[in-house]
Amino acid sequence: MVLQAFTGVLKTMTIEITRHHIDYHSGQHDFVLIAQKDGTVVGHLDYSVYEGEPSVKMIEVELKRQRVGTNLVLALQELHPESMIKFGMTTEEGQKLLDSMEWNVIPNPLYDDAVAELAALDKNLEALRNKAAALETASQADRDAFILACEDWNDMEDRADELRKTVSENPAVFRFAVGGKTTPQEVRATPTP
């Protein structure tokens, strides 16, 4: 079943990119974008959408260096303009494709803020650890003062753990596909009824 079709001119050839819904399970939709030239399949992009986030499973292209892969990725980005596409692990060829593309890169303030706060917090925690290590030779008065000074040490460690989780679970930047680097974008995928 064809849900949406995209048509455009690619260099000197006309390709059509269609989206097909393949499966649904456990909240995940599986799709394939198929690129055709004169009725012949010249490439496809398999992907899934879970909780609104598209994840590419595989891109396969028959016509190399003809921007078929680029335009499949661009068509996927147009279908999900507000979502960053997840590519996961890539082959050497797949990485070359991604490297050949232009991206709109937007810093993630949540990530940046967490990194900055974590750096300051880690510095304070390291100072507390160093003071604690020196307590063996400290006077009782210094030990008592240290105990009062580090009342929130556990809270600081908990906050550092929260920040590490934020940093590990969030991208440093949001990256959206906008075109190919080497050639001006000849295809703008537009939905056809």
C-alpha atoms as a PDB file:
ATOM      1  CA  MET A   1       0.000   0.000   0.000  1.00  0.00           C
ATOM      2  CA  VAL A   2       1.484   3.334  -1.055  1.00  0.00           C
ATOM      3  CA  LEU A   3       0.920   6.013   1.592  1.00  0.00           C
ATOM      4  CA  GLN A   4       2.744   8.914  -0.031  1.00  0.00           C
ATOM      5  CA  ALA A   5       4.684   9.351  -3.244  1.00  0.00           C
ATOM      6  CA  PHE A   6       7.501  11.772  -3.965  1.00  0.00           C
ATOM      7  CA  THR A   7       8.611  12.734  -7.452  1.00  0.00           C
ATOM      8  CA  GLY A   8      11.649  14.702  -8.523  1.00  0.00           C
ATOM      9  CA  VAL A   9      14.367  15.033 -11.147  1.00  0.00           C
ATOM     10  CA  LEU A  10      17.724  13.584 -10.169  1.00  0.00           C
ATOM     11  CA  LYS A  11      20.570  14.812 -12.391  1.00  0.00           C
ATOM     12  CA  THR A  12      19.305  13.631 -15.788  1.00  0.00           C
ATOM     13  CA  MET A  13      16.925  10.968 -14.546  1.00  0.00           C
ATOM     14  CA  THR A  14      13.501  11.103 -12.990  1.00  0.00           C
ATOM     15  CA  ILE A  15      12.993   9.039  -9.860  1.00  0.00           C
ATOM     16  CA  GLU A  16       9.956   8.428  -7.747  1.00  0.00           C
ATOM     17  CA  ILE A  17      10.206   7.695  -4.043  1.00  0.00           C
ATOM     18  CA  THR A  18       7.251   5.938  -2.440  1.00  0.00           C
ATOM     19  CA  ARG A  19       6.652   5.040   1.180  1.00  0.00           C
ATOM     20  CA  HIS A  20       5.155   1.695   2.147  1.00  0.00           C
ATOM     21  CA  HIS A  21       3.989   0.668   5.612  1.00  0.00           C
ATOM     22  CA  ILE A  22       5.328  -2.821   6.228  1.00  0.00           C
ATOM     23  CA  ASP A  23       4.412  -3.756   9.800  1.00  0.00           C
ATOM     24  CA  TYR A  24       3.315  -2.581  13.223  1.00  0.00           C
ATOM     25  CA  HIS A  25       4.281  -4.187  16.533  1.00  0.00           C
ATOM     26  CA  SER A  26       4.669  -3.046  20.136  1.00  0.00           C
ATOM     27  CA  GLY A  27       4.149   0.615  19.216  1.00  0.00           C
ATOM     28  CA  GLN A  28       6.669   0.527  16.356  1.00  0.00           C
ATOM     29  CA  HIS A  29       5.805   1.151  12.706  1.00  0.00           C
ATOM     30  CA  ASP A  30       8.079  -0.344  10.032  1.00  0.00           C
ATOM     31  CA  PHE A  31       8.331   1.373   6.648  1.00  0.00           C
ATOM     32  CA  VAL A  32      10.322   1.211   3.440  1.00  0.00           C
ATOM     33  CA  LEU A  33      11.015   4.094   1.062  1.00  0.00           C
ATOM     34  CA  ILE A  34      11.482   2.765  -2.459  1.00  0.00           C
ATOM     35  CA  ALA A  35      13.249   4.772  -5.190  1.00  0.00           C
ATOM     36  CA  GLN A  36      12.268   3.883  -8.752  1.00  0.00           C
ATOM     37  CA  LYS A  37      13.471   5.055 -12.146  1.00  0.00           C
ATOM     38  CA  ASP A  38      11.169   4.218 -15.053  1.00  0.00           C
ATOM     39  CA  GLY A  39       9.423   1.605 -12.916  1.00  0.00           C
ATOM     40  CA  THR A  40      12.679  -0.103 -11.898  1.00  0.00           C
ATOM     41  CA  VAL A  41      13.733  -0.113  -8.256  1.00  0.00           C
ATOM     42  CA  VAL A  42      17.071   1.735  -7.915  1.00  0.00           C
ATOM     43  CA  GLY A  43      17.233   1.877  -4.129  1.00  0.00           C
ATOM     44  CA  HIS A  44      15.387   1.555  -0.848  1.00  0.00           C
ATOM     45  CA  LEU A  45      15.599   2.798   2.722  1.00  0.00           C
ATOM     46  CA  ASP A  46      14.138   0.593   5.464  1.00  0.00           C
ATOM     47  CA  TYR A  47      13.243   2.371   8.689  1.00  0.00           C
ATOM     48  CA  SER A  48      11.054   2.211  11.751  1.00  0.00           C
ATOM     49  CA  VAL A  49       9.269   4.849  13.798  1.00  0.00           C
ATOM     50  CA  TYR A  50       8.913   4.350  17.535  1.00  0.00           C
ATOM     51  CA  GLU A  51       7.517   7.100  19.757  1.00  0.00           C
ATOM     52  CA  GLY A  52       7.760   9.491  16.809  1.00  0.00           C
ATOM     53  CA  GLU A  53      11.494   8.911  16.237  1.00  0.00           C
ATOM     54  CA  PRO A  54      12.621   7.504  12.870  1.00  0.00           C
ATOM     55  CA  SER A  55      15.483   4.975  12.914  1.00  0.00           C
ATOM     56  CA  VAL A  56      17.125   3.776   9.709  1.00  0.00           C
ATOM     57  CA  LYS A  57      17.652   0.046   9.488  1.00  0.00           C
ATOM     58  CA  MET A  58      19.236  -0.151   6.036  1.00  0.00           C
ATOM     59  CA  ILE A  59      19.853   1.843   2.874  1.00  0.00           C
ATOM     60  CA  GLU A  60      20.558  -0.042  -0.323  1.00  0.00           C
ATOM     61  CA  VAL A  61      21.207   1.685  -3.651  1.00  0.00           C
ATOM     62  CA  GLU A  62      21.661   0.130  -7.099  1.00  0.00           C
ATOM     63  CA  LEU A  63      22.866   3.318  -8.836  1.00  0.00           C
ATOM     64  CA  LYS A  64      25.948   4.596  -7.018  1.00  0.00           C
ATOM     65  CA  ARG A  65      26.958   8.273  -7.155  1.00  0.00           C
ATOM     66  CA  GLN A  66      23.570   9.262  -8.567  1.00  0.00           C
ATOM     67  CA  ARG A  67      22.290  10.792  -5.281  1.00  0.00           C
ATOM     68  CA  VAL A  68      19.662   8.088  -4.860  1.00  0.00           C
ATOM     69  CA  GLY A  69      20.753   7.433  -1.255  1.00  0.00           C
ATOM     70  CA  THR A  70      20.938  11.152  -0.514  1.00  0.00           C
ATOM     71  CA  ASN A  71      17.424  11.694  -1.792  1.00  0.00           C
ATOM     72  CA  LEU A  72      16.072   8.718   0.142  1.00  0.00           C
ATOM     73  CA  VAL A  73      17.466  10.267   3.345  1.00  0.00           C
ATOM     74  CA  LEU A  74      16.075  13.689   2.367  1.00  0.00           C
ATOM     75  CA  ALA A  75      12.647  12.176   1.679  1.00  0.00           C
ATOM     76  CA  LEU A  76      12.708  10.535   5.117  1.00  0.00           C
ATOM     77  CA  GLN A  77      13.672  13.857   6.726  1.00  0.00           C
ATOM     78  CA  GLU A  78      10.787  15.570   4.914  1.00  0.00           C
ATOM     79  CA  LEU A  79       8.401  12.960   6.285  1.00  0.00           C
ATOM     80  CA  HIS A  80       9.713  13.700   9.803  1.00  0.00           C
ATOM     81  CA  PRO A  81      10.805  17.366   9.708  1.00  0.00           C
ATOM     82  CA  GLU A  82      10.774  17.831  13.497  1.00  0.00           C
ATOM     83  CA  SER A  83      12.664  14.613  14.264  1.00  0.00           C
ATOM     84  CA  MET A  84      16.342  13.822  14.166  1.00  0.00           C
ATOM     85  CA  ILE A  85      16.885  10.618  12.171  1.00  0.00           C
ATOM     86  CA  LYS A  86      18.753   7.894  14.035  1.00  0.00           C
ATOM     87  CA  PHE A  87      21.217   5.999  11.855  1.00  0.00           C
ATOM     88  CA  GLY A  88      22.774   3.693  14.451  1.00  0.00           C
ATOM     89  CA  MET A  89      25.761   1.700  13.242  1.00  0.00           C
ATOM     90  CA  THR A  90      26.810   2.383   9.663  1.00  0.00           C
ATOM     91  CA  THR A  91      28.901   0.539   7.125  1.00  0.00           C
ATOM     92  CA  GLU A  92      31.828   2.321   5.502  1.00  0.00           C
ATOM     93  CA  GLU A  93      29.609   3.065   2.485  1.00  0.00           C
ATOM     94  CA  GLY A  94      26.802   4.278   4.728  1.00  0.00           C
ATOM     95  CA  GLN A  95      29.143   6.615   6.589  1.00  0.00           C
ATOM     96  CA  LYS A  96      30.385   8.010   3.267  1.00  0.00           C
ATOM     97  CA  LEU A  97      26.783   8.764   2.323  1.00  0.00           C
ATOM     98  CA  LEU A  98      26.144  10.581   5.607  1.00  0.00           C
ATOM     99  CA  ASP A  99      29.453  12.457   5.321  1.00  0.00           C
ATOM    100  CA  SER A 100      28.506  13.605   1.804  1.00  0.00           C
ATOM    101  CA  MET A 101      25.342  15.280   3.034  1.00  0.00           C
ATOM    102  CA  GLU A 102      24.661  18.735   4.389  1.00  0.00           C
ATOM    103  CA  TRP A 103      23.132  18.934   7.859  1.00  0.00           C
ATOM    104  CA  ASN A 104      21.400  21.632   9.838  1.00  0.00           C
ATOM    105  CA  VAL A 105      23.190  21.206  13.171  1.00  0.00           C
ATOM    106  CA  ILE A 106      21.521  22.735  16.219  1.00  0.00           C
ATOM    107  CA  PRO A 107      23.222  22.613  19.635  1.00  0.00           C
ATOM    108  CA  ASN A 108      21.234  20.846  22.353  1.00  0.00           C
ATOM    109  CA  PRO A 109      20.989  23.261  25.317  1.00  0.00           C
ATOM    110  CA  LEU A 110      19.909  20.457  27.676  1.00  0.00           C
ATOM    111  CA  TYR A 111      23.123  18.584  26.899  1.00  0.00           C
ATOM    112  CA  ASP A 112      25.311  21.716  27.056  1.00  0.00           C
ATOM    113  CA  ASP A 113      23.842  22.806  30.398  1.00  0.00           C
ATOM    114  CA  ALA A 114      24.269  19.315  31.874  1.00  0.00           C
ATOM    115  CA  VAL A 115      27.911  19.136  30.739  1.00  0.00           C
ATOM    116  CA  ALA A 116      28.689  22.565  32.230  1.00  0.00           C
ATOM    117  CA  GLU A 117      26.957  21.804  35.547  1.00  0.00           C
ATOM    118  CA  LEU A 118      28.590  18.372  35.726  1.00  0.00           C
ATOM    119  CA  ALA A 119      32.071  19.847  35.171  1.00  0.00           C
ATOM    120  CA  ALA A 120      31.605  22.291  38.073  1.00  0.00           C
ATOM    121  CA  LEU A 121      30.088  19.602  40.281  1.00  0.00           C
ATOM    122  CA  ASP A 122      32.882  17.122  39.515  1.00  0.00           C
ATOM    123  CA  LYS A 123      35.428  19.785  40.459  1.00  0.00           C
ATOM    124  CA  ASN A 124      33.685  20.319  43.824  1.00  0.00           C
ATOM    125  CA  LEU A 125      33.394  16.577  44.432  1.00  0.00           C
ATOM    126  CA  GLU A 126      37.080  16.069  43.648  1.00  0.00           C
ATOM    127  CA  ALA A 127      37.950  18.793  46.180  1.00  0.00           C
ATOM    128  CA  LEU A 128      35.822  17.011  48.803  1.00  0.00           C
ATOM    129  CA  ARG A 129      37.489  13.681  48.026  1.00  0.00           C
ATOM    130  CA  ASN A 130      40.928  15.254  48.377  1.00  0.00           C
ATOM    131  CA  LYS A 131      39.965  16.812  51.722  1.00  0.00           C
ATOM    132  CA  ALA A 132      38.556  13.469  52.894  1.00  0.00           C
ATOM    133  CA  ALA A 133      41.806  11.720  51.961  1.00  0.00           C
ATOM    134  CA  ALA A 134      43.751  14.246  54.036  1.00  0.00           C
ATOM    135  CA  LEU A 135      41.610  13.656  57.139  1.00  0.00           C
ATOM    136  CA  GLU A 136      43.834  10.843  58.383  1.00  0.00           C
ATOM    137  CA  THR A 137      46.405  13.375  59.519  1.00  0.00           C
ATOM    138  CA  ALA A 138      43.976  16.197  60.336  1.00  0.00           C
ATOM    139  CA  SER A 139      43.111  17.418  63.803  1.00  0.00           C
ATOM    140  CA  GLN A 140      39.731  16.612  65.353  1.00  0.00           C
ATOM    141  CA  ALA A 141      38.660  20.237  64.844  1.00  0.00           C
ATOM    142  CA  ASP A 142      39.486  19.972  61.115  1.00  0.00           C
ATOM    143  CA  ARG A 143      37.567  16.697  60.913  1.00  0.00           C
ATOM    144  CA  ASP A 144      34.515  18.252  62.586  1.00  0.00           C
ATOM    145  CA  ALA A 145      34.668  21.254  60.236  1.00  0.00           C
ATOM    146  CA  PHE A 146      34.925  18.919  57.242  1.00  0.00           C
ATOM    147  CA  ILE A 147      31.869  16.938  58.349  1.00  0.00           C
ATOM    148  CA  LEU A 148      29.844  20.158  58.506  1.00  0.00           C
ATOM    149  CA  ALA A 149      31.205  21.335  55.145  1.00  0.00           C
ATOM    150  CA  CYS A 150      30.206  18.157  53.312  1.00  0.00           C
ATOM    151  CA  GLU A 151      26.649  17.674  54.569  1.00  0.00           C
ATOM    152  CA  ASP A 152      25.366  17.773  50.989  1.00  0.00           C
ATOM    153  CA  TRP A 153      28.017  15.424  49.549  1.00  0.00           C
ATOM    154  CA  ASN A 154      25.471  12.651  48.921  1.00  0.00           C
ATOM    155  CA  ASP A 155      23.107  15.111  47.252  1.00  0.00           C
ATOM    156  CA  MET A 156      25.974  16.301  45.067  1.00  0.00           C
ATOM    157  CA  GLU A 157      26.802  12.713  44.055  1.00  0.00           C
ATOM    158  CA  ASP A 158      23.125  12.072  43.257  1.00  0.00           C
ATOM    159  CA  ARG A 159      22.960  15.218  41.130  1.00  0.00           C
ATOM    160  CA  ALA A 160      26.177  14.218  39.326  1.00  0.00           C
ATOM    161  CA  ASP A 161      24.606  10.824  38.540  1.00  0.00           C
ATOM    162  CA  GLU A 162      21.491  12.554  37.153  1.00  0.00           C
ATOM    163  CA  LEU A 163      23.652  14.806  34.985  1.00  0.00           C
ATOM    164  CA  ARG A 164      25.725  11.872  33.688  1.00  0.00           C
ATOM    165  CA  LYS A 165      22.488  10.146  32.721  1.00  0.00           C
ATOM    166  CA  THR A 166      21.278  13.289  30.935  1.00  0.00           C
ATOM    167  CA  VAL A 167      24.572  13.538  29.034  1.00  0.00           C
ATOM    168  CA  SER A 168      24.571   9.853  28.074  1.00  0.00           C
ATOM    169  CA  GLU A 169      20.932   9.800  26.943  1.00  0.00           C
ATOM    170  CA  ASN A 170      20.841  13.053  24.973  1.00  0.00           C
ATOM    171  CA  PRO A 171      22.660  14.086  21.815  1.00  0.00           C
ATOM    172  CA  ALA A 172      25.120  16.976  21.956  1.00  0.00           C
ATOM    173  CA  VAL A 173      23.511  18.380  18.801  1.00  0.00           C
ATOM    174  CA  PHE A 174      20.356  17.893  16.777  1.00  0.00           C
ATOM    175  CA  ARG A 175      21.198  17.073  13.165  1.00  0.00           C
ATOM    176  CA  PHE A 176      18.667  17.400  10.335  1.00  0.00           C
ATOM    177  CA  ALA A 177      19.387  16.413   6.721  1.00  0.00           C
ATOM    178  CA  VAL A 178      19.125  19.351   4.312  1.00  0.00           C
ATOM    179  CA  GLY A 179      21.008  18.295   1.155  1.00  0.00           C
ATOM    180  CA  GLY A 180      24.133  16.946  -0.499  1.00  0.00           C
ATOM    181  CA  LYS A 181      27.510  18.693  -0.291  1.00  0.00           C
ATOM    182  CA  THR A 182      28.898  18.052  -3.740  1.00  0.00           C
ATOM    183  CA  THR A 183      25.984  18.993  -5.964  1.00  0.00           C
ATOM    184  CA  PRO A 184      23.178  21.466  -5.459  1.00  0.00           C
ATOM    185  CA  GLN A 185      20.037  19.710  -4.421  1.00  0.00           C
ATOM    186  CA  GLU A 186      18.152  18.876  -7.603  1.00  0.00           C
ATOM    187  CA  VAL A 187      15.347  16.994  -5.917  1.00  0.00           C
ATOM    188  CA  ARG A 188      12.975  18.377  -3.369  1.00  0.00           C
ATOM    189  CA  ALA A 189      10.673  15.552  -2.438  1.00  0.00           C
ATOM    190  CA  THR A 190       7.131  16.816  -2.548  1.00  0.00           C
ATOM    191  CA  PRO A 191       4.117  14.730  -1.632  1.00  0.00           C
ATOM    192  CA  THR A 192       1.785  13.859  -4.459  1.00  0.00           C
ATOM    193  CA  PRO A 193      -1.820  12.920  -3.724  1.00  0.00           C
END
